[in-house]
PDB file of N, CA and C in Angstrom:
ATOM      1  N   MET A   1     -61.374 -13.460 -71.859  1.00  0.00           N
ATOM      2  CA  MET A   1     -61.664 -14.875 -71.970  1.00  0.00           C
ATOM      3  C   MET A   1     -63.157 -15.057 -72.234  1.00  0.00           C
ATOM      4  N   VAL A   2     -63.501 -15.908 -73.154  1.00  0.00           N
ATOM      5  CA  VAL A   2     -64.887 -16.147 -73.529  1.00  0.00           C
ATOM      6  C   VAL A   2     -65.473 -17.219 -72.617  1.00  0.00           C
ATOM      7  N   ALA A   3     -66.649 -16.929 -72.068  1.00  0.00           N
ATOM      8  CA  ALA A   3     -67.311 -17.893 -71.195  1.00  0.00           C
ATOM      9  C   ALA A   3     -67.885 -19.019 -72.039  1.00  0.00           C
ATOM     10  N   SER A   4     -67.879 -20.210 -71.477  1.00  0.00           N
ATOM     11  CA  SER A   4     -68.439 -21.366 -72.163  1.00  0.00           C
ATOM     12  C   SER A   4     -69.965 -21.285 -72.155  1.00  0.00           C
ATOM     13  N   LEU A   5     -70.566 -21.396 -73.324  1.00  0.00           N
ATOM     14  CA  LEU A   5     -72.014 -21.333 -73.432  1.00  0.00           C
ATOM     15  C   LEU A   5     -72.567 -22.737 -73.663  1.00  0.00           C
ATOM     16  N   THR A   6     -73.626 -23.041 -72.981  1.00  0.00           N
ATOM     17  CA  THR A   6     -74.295 -24.314 -73.172  1.00  0.00           C
ATOM     18  C   THR A   6     -75.696 -24.039 -73.694  1.00  0.00           C
ATOM     19  N   LEU A   7     -76.013 -24.622 -74.827  1.00  0.00           N
ATOM     20  CA  LEU A   7     -77.341 -24.465 -75.395  1.00  0.00           C
ATOM     21  C   LEU A   7     -78.158 -25.707 -75.074  1.00  0.00           C
ATOM     22  N   GLU A   8     -79.329 -25.503 -74.569  1.00  0.00           N
ATOM     23  CA  GLU A   8     -80.226 -26.602 -74.230  1.00  0.00           C
ATOM     24  C   GLU A   8     -81.417 -26.583 -75.172  1.00  0.00           C
ATOM     25  N   LEU A   9     -81.802 -27.744 -75.640  1.00  0.00           N
ATOM     26  CA  LEU A   9     -82.982 -27.867 -76.481  1.00  0.00           C
ATOM     27  C   LEU A   9     -84.212 -27.690 -75.601  1.00  0.00           C
ATOM     28  N   GLU A  10     -85.069 -26.746 -75.955  1.00  0.00           N
ATOM     29  CA  GLU A  10     -86.244 -26.462 -75.141  1.00  0.00           C
ATOM     30  C   GLU A  10     -87.529 -26.948 -75.775  1.00  0.00           C
ATOM     31  N   GLU A  11     -87.615 -26.886 -77.109  1.00  0.00           N
ATOM     32  CA  GLU A  11     -88.850 -27.300 -77.756  1.00  0.00           C
ATOM     33  C   GLU A  11     -88.576 -27.815 -79.159  1.00  0.00           C
ATOM     34  N   VAL A  12     -89.490 -28.657 -79.631  1.00  0.00           N
ATOM     35  CA  VAL A  12     -89.467 -29.182 -80.994  1.00  0.00           C
ATOM     36  C   VAL A  12     -90.818 -28.838 -81.603  1.00  0.00           C
ATOM     37  N   VAL A  13     -90.790 -28.281 -82.810  1.00  0.00           N
ATOM     38  CA  VAL A  13     -92.023 -27.936 -83.511  1.00  0.00           C
ATOM     39  C   VAL A  13     -92.109 -28.815 -84.758  1.00  0.00           C
ATOM     40  N   PHE A  14     -93.147 -29.656 -84.823  1.00  0.00           N
ATOM     41  CA  PHE A  14     -93.360 -30.527 -85.970  1.00  0.00           C
ATOM     42  C   PHE A  14     -94.208 -29.796 -86.997  1.00  0.00           C
ATOM     43  N   GLY A  15     -93.847 -29.934 -88.263  1.00  0.00           N
ATOM     44  CA  GLY A  15     -94.582 -29.291 -89.343  1.00  0.00           C
ATOM     45  C   GLY A  15     -95.886 -30.004 -89.658  1.00  0.00           C
ATOM     46  N   MET A  16     -96.671 -29.397 -90.530  1.00  0.00           N
ATOM     47  CA  MET A  16     -97.998 -29.915 -90.869  1.00  0.00           C
ATOM     48  C   MET A  16     -97.943 -31.290 -91.532  1.00  0.00           C
ATOM     49  N   ARG A  17     -96.899 -31.573 -92.263  1.00  0.00           N
ATOM     50  CA  ARG A  17     -96.799 -32.831 -93.003  1.00  0.00           C
ATOM     51  C   ARG A  17     -95.917 -33.866 -92.312  1.00  0.00           C
ATOM     52  N   CYS A  18     -95.523 -33.606 -91.108  1.00  0.00           N
ATOM     53  CA  CYS A  18     -94.653 -34.530 -90.383  1.00  0.00           C
ATOM     54  C   CYS A  18     -95.438 -35.791 -90.006  1.00  0.00           C
ATOM     55  N   PRO A  19     -94.979 -36.975 -90.434  1.00  0.00           N
ATOM     56  CA  PRO A  19     -95.682 -38.213 -90.101  1.00  0.00           C
ATOM     57  C   PRO A  19     -95.630 -38.499 -88.597  1.00  0.00           C
ATOM     58  N   SER A  20     -96.655 -39.146 -88.101  1.00  0.00           N
ATOM     59  CA  SER A  20     -96.706 -39.450 -86.669  1.00  0.00           C
ATOM     60  C   SER A  20     -95.576 -40.388 -86.260  1.00  0.00           C
ATOM     61  N   ALA A  21     -95.105 -41.240 -87.178  1.00  0.00           N
ATOM     62  CA  ALA A  21     -93.993 -42.144 -86.849  1.00  0.00           C
ATOM     63  C   ALA A  21     -92.715 -41.352 -86.576  1.00  0.00           C
ATOM     64  N   VAL A  22     -92.513 -40.266 -87.297  1.00  0.00           N
ATOM     65  CA  VAL A  22     -91.342 -39.416 -87.061  1.00  0.00           C
ATOM     66  C   VAL A  22     -91.489 -38.702 -85.719  1.00  0.00           C
ATOM     67  N   MET A  23     -92.686 -38.199 -85.448  1.00  0.00           N
ATOM     68  CA  MET A  23     -92.931 -37.553 -84.151  1.00  0.00           C
ATOM     69  C   MET A  23     -92.630 -38.527 -83.018  1.00  0.00           C
ATOM     70  N   PHE A  24     -93.146 -39.750 -83.158  1.00  0.00           N
ATOM     71  CA  PHE A  24     -92.929 -40.783 -82.145  1.00  0.00           C
ATOM     72  C   PHE A  24     -91.434 -41.014 -81.928  1.00  0.00           C
ATOM     73  N   GLY A  25     -90.688 -41.156 -83.016  1.00  0.00           N
ATOM     74  CA  GLY A  25     -89.248 -41.400 -82.905  1.00  0.00           C
ATOM     75  C   GLY A  25     -88.502 -40.267 -82.227  1.00  0.00           C
ATOM     76  N   VAL A  26     -88.848 -39.044 -82.568  1.00  0.00           N
ATOM     77  CA  VAL A  26     -88.183 -37.884 -81.962  1.00  0.00           C
ATOM     78  C   VAL A  26     -88.525 -37.790 -80.474  1.00  0.00           C
ATOM     79  N   ILE A  27     -89.784 -37.996 -80.147  1.00  0.00           N
ATOM     80  CA  ILE A  27     -90.200 -37.928 -78.737  1.00  0.00           C
ATOM     81  C   ILE A  27     -89.502 -39.012 -77.928  1.00  0.00           C
ATOM     82  N   GLN A  28     -89.426 -40.219 -78.468  1.00  0.00           N
ATOM     83  CA  GLN A  28     -88.741 -41.310 -77.764  1.00  0.00           C
ATOM     84  C   GLN A  28     -87.256 -41.019 -77.602  1.00  0.00           C
ATOM     85  N   ALA A  29     -86.641 -40.460 -78.652  1.00  0.00           N
ATOM     86  CA  ALA A  29     -85.209 -40.168 -78.605  1.00  0.00           C
ATOM     87  C   ALA A  29     -84.874 -39.103 -77.571  1.00  0.00           C
ATOM     88  N   LEU A  30     -85.791 -38.180 -77.341  1.00  0.00           N
ATOM     89  CA  LEU A  30     -85.527 -37.084 -76.400  1.00  0.00           C
ATOM     90  C   LEU A  30     -86.109 -37.338 -75.007  1.00  0.00           C
ATOM     91  N   ALA A  31     -86.697 -38.497 -74.804  1.00  0.00           N
ATOM     92  CA  ALA A  31     -87.282 -38.823 -73.488  1.00  0.00           C
ATOM     93  C   ALA A  31     -86.171 -39.037 -72.459  1.00  0.00           C
ATOM     94  N   GLY A  32     -86.471 -38.706 -71.243  1.00  0.00           N
ATOM     95  CA  GLY A  32     -85.538 -38.957 -70.150  1.00  0.00           C
ATOM     96  C   GLY A  32     -84.403 -37.959 -70.030  1.00  0.00           C
ATOM     97  N   ARG A  33     -84.508 -36.820 -70.665  1.00  0.00           N
ATOM     98  CA  ARG A  33     -83.463 -35.803 -70.540  1.00  0.00           C
ATOM     99  C   ARG A  33     -83.585 -35.089 -69.193  1.00  0.00           C
ATOM    100  N   ASP A  34     -82.501 -34.503 -68.754  1.00  0.00           N
ATOM    101  CA  ASP A  34     -82.520 -33.762 -67.489  1.00  0.00           C
ATOM    102  C   ASP A  34     -83.511 -32.611 -67.534  1.00  0.00           C
ATOM    103  N   ARG A  35     -83.486 -31.879 -68.629  1.00  0.00           N
ATOM    104  CA  ARG A  35     -84.439 -30.785 -68.820  1.00  0.00           C
ATOM    105  C   ARG A  35     -85.481 -31.259 -69.824  1.00  0.00           C
ATOM    106  N   PRO A  36     -86.741 -31.234 -69.458  1.00  0.00           N
ATOM    107  CA  PRO A  36     -87.772 -31.722 -70.388  1.00  0.00           C
ATOM    108  C   PRO A  36     -87.869 -30.853 -71.645  1.00  0.00           C
ATOM    109  N   VAL A  37     -88.226 -31.499 -72.737  1.00  0.00           N
ATOM    110  CA  VAL A  37     -88.405 -30.822 -74.016  1.00  0.00           C
ATOM    111  C   VAL A  37     -89.900 -30.747 -74.290  1.00  0.00           C
ATOM    112  N   ARG A  38     -90.370 -29.591 -74.740  1.00  0.00           N
ATOM    113  CA  ARG A  38     -91.789 -29.429 -75.093  1.00  0.00           C
ATOM    114  C   ARG A  38     -91.952 -29.707 -76.584  1.00  0.00           C
ATOM    115  N   PHE A  39     -93.096 -30.276 -76.942  1.00  0.00           N
ATOM    116  CA  PHE A  39     -93.365 -30.630 -78.331  1.00  0.00           C
ATOM    117  C   PHE A  39     -94.612 -29.906 -78.815  1.00  0.00           C
ATOM    118  N   PHE A  40     -94.513 -29.346 -80.024  1.00  0.00           N
ATOM    119  CA  PHE A  40     -95.606 -28.601 -80.622  1.00  0.00           C
ATOM    120  C   PHE A  40     -95.822 -29.062 -82.055  1.00  0.00           C
ATOM    121  N   GLU A  41     -97.029 -28.807 -82.570  1.00  0.00           N
ATOM    122  CA  GLU A  41     -97.366 -29.079 -83.960  1.00  0.00           C
ATOM    123  C   GLU A  41     -97.881 -27.794 -84.593  1.00  0.00           C
ATOM    124  N   ILE A  42     -97.603 -27.647 -85.880  1.00  0.00           N
ATOM    125  CA  ILE A  42     -98.172 -26.544 -86.643  1.00  0.00           C
ATOM    126  C   ILE A  42     -99.445 -27.062 -87.298  1.00  0.00           C
ATOM    127  N   ARG A  43    -100.529 -26.347 -87.115  1.00  0.00           N
ATOM    128  CA  ARG A  43    -101.830 -26.723 -87.695  1.00  0.00           C
ATOM    129  C   ARG A  43    -102.395 -25.538 -88.461  1.00  0.00           C
ATOM    130  N   GLY A  44    -103.092 -25.852 -89.532  1.00  0.00           N
ATOM    131  CA  GLY A  44    -103.764 -24.819 -90.303  1.00  0.00           C
ATOM    132  C   GLY A  44    -105.223 -24.721 -89.899  1.00  0.00           C
ATOM    133  N   GLN A  45    -105.799 -23.556 -90.090  1.00  0.00           N
ATOM    134  CA  GLN A  45    -107.218 -23.367 -89.809  1.00  0.00           C
ATOM    135  C   GLN A  45    -107.990 -23.601 -91.095  1.00  0.00           C
ATOM    136  N   HIS A  46    -109.021 -24.423 -91.022  1.00  0.00           N
ATOM    137  CA  HIS A  46    -109.808 -24.783 -92.198  1.00  0.00           C
ATOM    138  C   HIS A  46    -110.400 -23.536 -92.866  1.00  0.00           C
ATOM    139  N   GLY A  47    -110.165 -23.429 -94.166  1.00  0.00           N
ATOM    140  CA  GLY A  47    -110.731 -22.320 -94.923  1.00  0.00           C
ATOM    141  C   GLY A  47    -109.967 -21.016 -94.790  1.00  0.00           C
ATOM    142  N   ARG A  48    -108.850 -21.030 -94.072  1.00  0.00           N
ATOM    143  CA  ARG A  48    -108.064 -19.809 -93.882  1.00  0.00           C
ATOM    144  C   ARG A  48    -106.598 -20.125 -94.107  1.00  0.00           C
ATOM    145  N   PHE A  49    -105.825 -19.106 -94.313  1.00  0.00           N
ATOM    146  CA  PHE A  49    -104.397 -19.278 -94.532  1.00  0.00           C
ATOM    147  C   PHE A  49    -103.589 -18.994 -93.269  1.00  0.00           C
ATOM    148  N   LEU A  50    -104.214 -19.164 -92.118  1.00  0.00           N
ATOM    149  CA  LEU A  50    -103.538 -18.913 -90.854  1.00  0.00           C
ATOM    150  C   LEU A  50    -103.021 -20.221 -90.264  1.00  0.00           C
ATOM    151  N   LEU A  51    -101.867 -20.144 -89.680  1.00  0.00           N
ATOM    152  CA  LEU A  51    -101.270 -21.300 -89.006  1.00  0.00           C
ATOM    153  C   LEU A  51    -101.187 -20.997 -87.521  1.00  0.00           C
ATOM    154  N   HIS A  52    -101.320 -22.041 -86.713  1.00  0.00           N
ATOM    155  CA  HIS A  52    -101.118 -21.842 -85.277  1.00  0.00           C
ATOM    156  C   HIS A  52    -100.345 -23.019 -84.707  1.00  0.00           C
ATOM    157  N   LYS A  53     -99.639 -22.739 -83.655  1.00  0.00           N
ATOM    158  CA  LYS A  53     -98.807 -23.735 -82.978  1.00  0.00           C
ATOM    159  C   LYS A  53     -99.584 -24.262 -81.789  1.00  0.00           C
ATOM    160  N   ARG A  54     -99.739 -25.580 -81.720  1.00  0.00           N
ATOM    161  CA  ARG A  54    -100.453 -26.160 -80.583  1.00  0.00           C
ATOM    162  C   ARG A  54     -99.591 -27.231 -79.937  1.00  0.00           C
ATOM    163  N   VAL A  55     -99.845 -27.487 -78.687  1.00  0.00           N
ATOM    164  CA  VAL A  55     -99.086 -28.488 -77.933  1.00  0.00           C
ATOM    165  C   VAL A  55     -99.418 -29.876 -78.475  1.00  0.00           C
ATOM    166  N   THR A  56     -98.390 -30.694 -78.696  1.00  0.00           N
ATOM    167  CA  THR A  56     -98.582 -32.065 -79.166  1.00  0.00           C
ATOM    168  C   THR A  56     -99.046 -32.930 -78.009  1.00  0.00           C
ATOM    169  N   ASP A  57    -100.072 -33.725 -78.245  1.00  0.00           N
ATOM    170  CA  ASP A  57    -100.569 -34.657 -77.229  1.00  0.00           C
ATOM    171  C   ASP A  57     -99.668 -35.892 -77.243  1.00  0.00           C
ATOM    172  N   THR A  58     -98.587 -35.833 -76.481  1.00  0.00           N
ATOM    173  CA  THR A  58     -97.613 -36.922 -76.489  1.00  0.00           C
ATOM    174  C   THR A  58     -98.181 -38.209 -75.901  1.00  0.00           C
ATOM    175  N   ASP A  59     -99.077 -38.105 -74.937  1.00  0.00           N
ATOM    176  CA  ASP A  59     -99.678 -39.312 -74.361  1.00  0.00           C
ATOM    177  C   ASP A  59    -100.460 -40.092 -75.415  1.00  0.00           C
ATOM    178  N   GLU A  60    -101.238 -39.395 -76.210  1.00  0.00           N
ATOM    179  CA  GLU A  60    -102.009 -40.064 -77.260  1.00  0.00           C
ATOM    180  C   GLU A  60    -101.088 -40.644 -78.329  1.00  0.00           C
ATOM    181  N   LEU A  61    -100.073 -39.891 -78.696  1.00  0.00           N
ATOM    182  CA  LEU A  61     -99.136 -40.357 -79.717  1.00  0.00           C
ATOM    183  C   LEU A  61     -98.405 -41.610 -79.260  1.00  0.00           C
ATOM    184  N   LEU A  62     -97.957 -41.627 -78.020  1.00  0.00           N
ATOM    185  CA  LEU A  62     -97.241 -42.794 -77.503  1.00  0.00           C
ATOM    186  C   LEU A  62     -98.163 -43.996 -77.331  1.00  0.00           C
ATOM    187  N   ALA A  63     -99.447 -43.749 -77.082  1.00  0.00           N
ATOM    188  CA  ALA A  63    -100.403 -44.845 -76.923  1.00  0.00           C
ATOM    189  C   ALA A  63    -100.747 -45.503 -78.252  1.00  0.00           C
ATOM    190  N   THR A  64    -100.600 -44.781 -79.352  1.00  0.00           N
ATOM    191  CA  THR A  64    -100.984 -45.330 -80.652  1.00  0.00           C
ATOM    192  C   THR A  64     -99.825 -45.954 -81.409  1.00  0.00           C
ATOM    193  N   HIS A  65     -98.636 -45.913 -80.862  1.00  0.00           N
ATOM    194  CA  HIS A  65     -97.470 -46.513 -81.509  1.00  0.00           C
ATOM    195  C   HIS A  65     -96.944 -47.654 -80.643  1.00  0.00           C
ATOM    196  N   PRO A  66     -96.101 -48.500 -81.216  1.00  0.00           N
ATOM    197  CA  PRO A  66     -95.609 -49.664 -80.462  1.00  0.00           C
ATOM    198  C   PRO A  66     -94.840 -49.260 -79.212  1.00  0.00           C
ATOM    199  N   ARG A  67     -95.010 -50.036 -78.174  1.00  0.00           N
ATOM    200  CA  ARG A  67     -94.285 -49.749 -76.929  1.00  0.00           C
ATOM    201  C   ARG A  67     -92.844 -50.213 -77.007  1.00  0.00           C
ATOM    202  N   ARG A  68     -92.610 -51.229 -77.793  1.00  0.00           N
ATOM    203  CA  ARG A  68     -91.245 -51.730 -77.946  1.00  0.00           C
ATOM    204  C   ARG A  68     -90.855 -51.643 -79.410  1.00  0.00           C
ATOM    205  N   TYR A  69     -89.698 -51.111 -79.641  1.00  0.00           N
ATOM    206  CA  TYR A  69     -89.170 -51.044 -80.985  1.00  0.00           C
ATOM    207  C   TYR A  69     -87.722 -51.495 -80.921  1.00  0.00           C
ATOM    208  N   ARG A  70     -87.264 -52.084 -81.985  1.00  0.00           N
ATOM    209  CA  ARG A  70     -85.909 -52.599 -81.995  1.00  0.00           C
ATOM    210  C   ARG A  70     -84.945 -51.536 -82.503  1.00  0.00           C
ATOM    211  N   ARG A  71     -83.866 -51.420 -81.808  1.00  0.00           N
ATOM    212  CA  ARG A  71     -82.822 -50.521 -82.271  1.00  0.00           C
ATOM    213  C   ARG A  71     -82.042 -51.239 -83.368  1.00  0.00           C
ATOM    214  N   ILE A  72     -81.284 -50.483 -84.153  1.00  0.00           N
ATOM    215  CA  ILE A  72     -80.606 -51.043 -85.317  1.00  0.00           C
ATOM    216  C   ILE A  72     -79.654 -52.174 -84.944  1.00  0.00           C
ATOM    217  N   HIS A  73     -78.956 -52.070 -83.805  1.00  0.00           N
ATOM    218  CA  HIS A  73     -78.033 -53.140 -83.434  1.00  0.00           C
ATOM    219  C   HIS A  73     -78.775 -54.408 -83.019  1.00  0.00           C
ATOM    220  N   GLU A  74     -80.004 -54.284 -82.524  1.00  0.00           N
ATOM    221  CA  GLU A  74     -80.791 -55.456 -82.181  1.00  0.00           C
ATOM    222  C   GLU A  74     -81.251 -56.187 -83.440  1.00  0.00           C
ATOM    223  N   ILE A  75     -81.533 -55.449 -84.496  1.00  0.00           N
ATOM    224  CA  ILE A  75     -81.981 -56.054 -85.738  1.00  0.00           C
ATOM    225  C   ILE A  75     -80.870 -56.918 -86.336  1.00  0.00           C
ATOM    226  N   PHE A  76     -79.646 -56.415 -86.329  1.00  0.00           N
ATOM    227  CA  PHE A  76     -78.544 -57.138 -86.957  1.00  0.00           C
ATOM    228  C   PHE A  76     -77.938 -58.203 -86.048  1.00  0.00           C
ATOM    229  N   ARG A  77     -78.349 -58.244 -84.795  1.00  0.00           N
ATOM    230  CA  ARG A  77     -77.846 -59.274 -83.888  1.00  0.00           C
ATOM    231  C   ARG A  77     -78.211 -60.672 -84.399  1.00  0.00           C
ATOM    232  N   ALA A  78     -79.313 -60.792 -85.127  1.00  0.00           N
ATOM    233  CA  ALA A  78     -79.735 -62.089 -85.664  1.00  0.00           C
ATOM    234  C   ALA A  78     -78.720 -62.641 -86.659  1.00  0.00           C
ATOM    235  N   PHE A  79     -77.876 -61.797 -87.222  1.00  0.00           N
ATOM    236  CA  PHE A  79     -76.906 -62.241 -88.219  1.00  0.00           C
ATOM    237  C   PHE A  79     -75.534 -62.554 -87.621  1.00  0.00           C
ATOM    238  N   GLU A  80     -75.378 -62.427 -86.309  1.00  0.00           N
ATOM    239  CA  GLU A  80     -74.102 -62.751 -85.687  1.00  0.00           C
ATOM    240  C   GLU A  80     -73.845 -64.239 -85.827  1.00  0.00           C
ATOM    241  N   GLY A  81     -72.627 -64.577 -86.162  1.00  0.00           N
ATOM    242  CA  GLY A  81     -72.266 -65.981 -86.280  1.00  0.00           C
ATOM    243  C   GLY A  81     -72.601 -66.586 -87.632  1.00  0.00           C
ATOM    244  N   VAL A  82     -73.110 -65.801 -88.572  1.00  0.00           N
ATOM    245  CA  VAL A  82     -73.412 -66.302 -89.905  1.00  0.00           C
ATOM    246  C   VAL A  82     -72.097 -66.496 -90.648  1.00  0.00           C
ATOM    247  N   ASP A  83     -71.939 -67.671 -91.268  1.00  0.00           N
ATOM    248  CA  ASP A  83     -70.723 -67.972 -92.010  1.00  0.00           C
ATOM    249  C   ASP A  83     -70.720 -67.159 -93.294  1.00  0.00           C
ATOM    250  N   THR A  84     -69.757 -66.267 -93.403  1.00  0.00           N
ATOM    251  CA  THR A  84     -69.659 -65.426 -94.596  1.00  0.00           C
ATOM    252  C   THR A  84     -68.479 -65.823 -95.467  1.00  0.00           C
ATOM    253  N   SER A  85     -67.922 -67.018 -95.223  1.00  0.00           N
ATOM    254  CA  SER A  85     -66.784 -67.463 -96.015  1.00  0.00           C
ATOM    255  C   SER A  85     -67.220 -67.744 -97.441  1.00  0.00           C
ATOM    256  N   SER A  86     -66.312 -67.558 -98.349  1.00  0.00           N
ATOM    257  CA  SER A  86     -66.613 -67.760 -99.763  1.00  0.00           C
ATOM    258  C   SER A  86     -66.261 -69.192-100.140  1.00  0.00           C
ATOM    259  N   ASP A  87     -67.271 -70.036-100.296  1.00  0.00           N
ATOM    260  CA  ASP A  87     -67.033 -71.431-100.678  1.00  0.00           C
ATOM    261  C   ASP A  87     -67.568 -71.717-102.074  1.00  0.00           C
ATOM    262  N   GLY A  88     -67.830 -70.669-102.836  1.00  0.00           N
ATOM    263  CA  GLY A  88     -68.287 -70.834-104.198  1.00  0.00           C
ATOM    264  C   GLY A  88     -69.794 -70.854-104.346  1.00  0.00           C
ATOM    265  N   GLU A  89     -70.545 -71.084-103.271  1.00  0.00           N
ATOM    266  CA  GLU A  89     -71.998 -71.109-103.356  1.00  0.00           C
ATOM    267  C   GLU A  89     -72.533 -69.688-103.244  1.00  0.00           C
ATOM    268  N   LYS A  90     -73.438 -69.340-104.138  1.00  0.00           N
ATOM    269  CA  LYS A  90     -74.011 -67.999-104.106  1.00  0.00           C
ATOM    270  C   LYS A  90     -74.997 -67.902-102.952  1.00  0.00           C
ATOM    271  N   THR A  91     -74.875 -66.819-102.197  1.00  0.00           N
ATOM    272  CA  THR A  91     -75.786 -66.564-101.084  1.00  0.00           C
ATOM    273  C   THR A  91     -76.156 -65.098-101.087  1.00  0.00           C
ATOM    274  N   ASP A  92     -77.230 -64.770-100.355  1.00  0.00           N
ATOM    275  CA  ASP A  92     -77.579 -63.355-100.219  1.00  0.00           C
ATOM    276  C   ASP A  92     -76.790 -62.765 -99.063  1.00  0.00           C
ATOM    277  N   SER A  93     -77.098 -61.529 -98.690  1.00  0.00           N
ATOM    278  CA  SER A  93     -76.341 -60.847 -97.635  1.00  0.00           C
ATOM    279  C   SER A  93     -76.483 -61.523 -96.279  1.00  0.00           C
ATOM    280  N   ALA A  94     -77.522 -62.342 -96.092  1.00  0.00           N
ATOM    281  CA  ALA A  94     -77.706 -63.044 -94.829  1.00  0.00           C
ATOM    282  C   ALA A  94     -77.087 -64.446 -94.879  1.00  0.00           C
ATOM    283  N   GLY A  95     -76.448 -64.796 -95.997  1.00  0.00           N
ATOM    284  CA  GLY A  95     -75.816 -66.101 -96.110  1.00  0.00           C
ATOM    285  C   GLY A  95     -76.783 -67.206 -96.507  1.00  0.00           C
ATOM    286  N   VAL A  96     -77.940 -66.845 -97.039  1.00  0.00           N
ATOM    287  CA  VAL A  96     -78.957 -67.815 -97.422  1.00  0.00           C
ATOM    288  C   VAL A  96     -78.864 -68.057 -98.919  1.00  0.00           C
ATOM    289  N   PRO A  97     -78.786 -69.337 -99.340  1.00  0.00           N
ATOM    290  CA  PRO A  97     -78.722 -69.604-100.783  1.00  0.00           C
ATOM    291  C   PRO A  97     -80.059 -69.251-101.439  1.00  0.00           C
ATOM    292  N   PRO A  98     -80.030 -68.860-102.709  1.00  0.00           N
ATOM    293  CA  PRO A  98     -81.283 -68.504-103.384  1.00  0.00           C
ATOM    294  C   PRO A  98     -82.153 -69.742-103.604  1.00  0.00           C
ATOM    295  N   ARG A  99     -83.473 -69.514-103.626  1.00  0.00           N
ATOM    296  CA  ARG A  99     -84.414 -70.622-103.856  1.00  0.00           C
ATOM    297  C   ARG A  99     -84.376 -71.013-105.325  1.00  0.00           C
ATOM    298  N   GLU A 100     -84.532 -72.294-105.550  1.00  0.00           N
ATOM    299  CA  GLU A 100     -84.633 -72.764-106.927  1.00  0.00           C
ATOM    300  C   GLU A 100     -86.080 -72.649-107.392  1.00  0.00           C
ATOM    301  N   GLN A 101     -86.247 -72.225-108.619  1.00  0.00           N
ATOM    302  CA  GLN A 101     -87.613 -72.024-109.128  1.00  0.00           C
ATOM    303  C   GLN A 101     -88.009 -73.142-110.052  1.00  0.00           C
TER     304      GLN A 101
END
């Protein structure tokens, strides 16, 4: 009988070109886990072709990005109750008629 294996995420390594907004999103998504996840960045040394892995300063990253962000379902909540019936008037996806020019 094969024993059940559980794999736990231990670390995330961000590449040299990874935008800080992506880092922020990944760190926020993995926050609050039972086992903490470590975050690292790959950095190059100026004038050399060597790369090194360094610990990501998550405190600084979280301080420079918004504290509150809307999840996708919160964004579309504004459209609840919008009349989408077809009455012959052209509207956009939010049910708003186009402006006359």
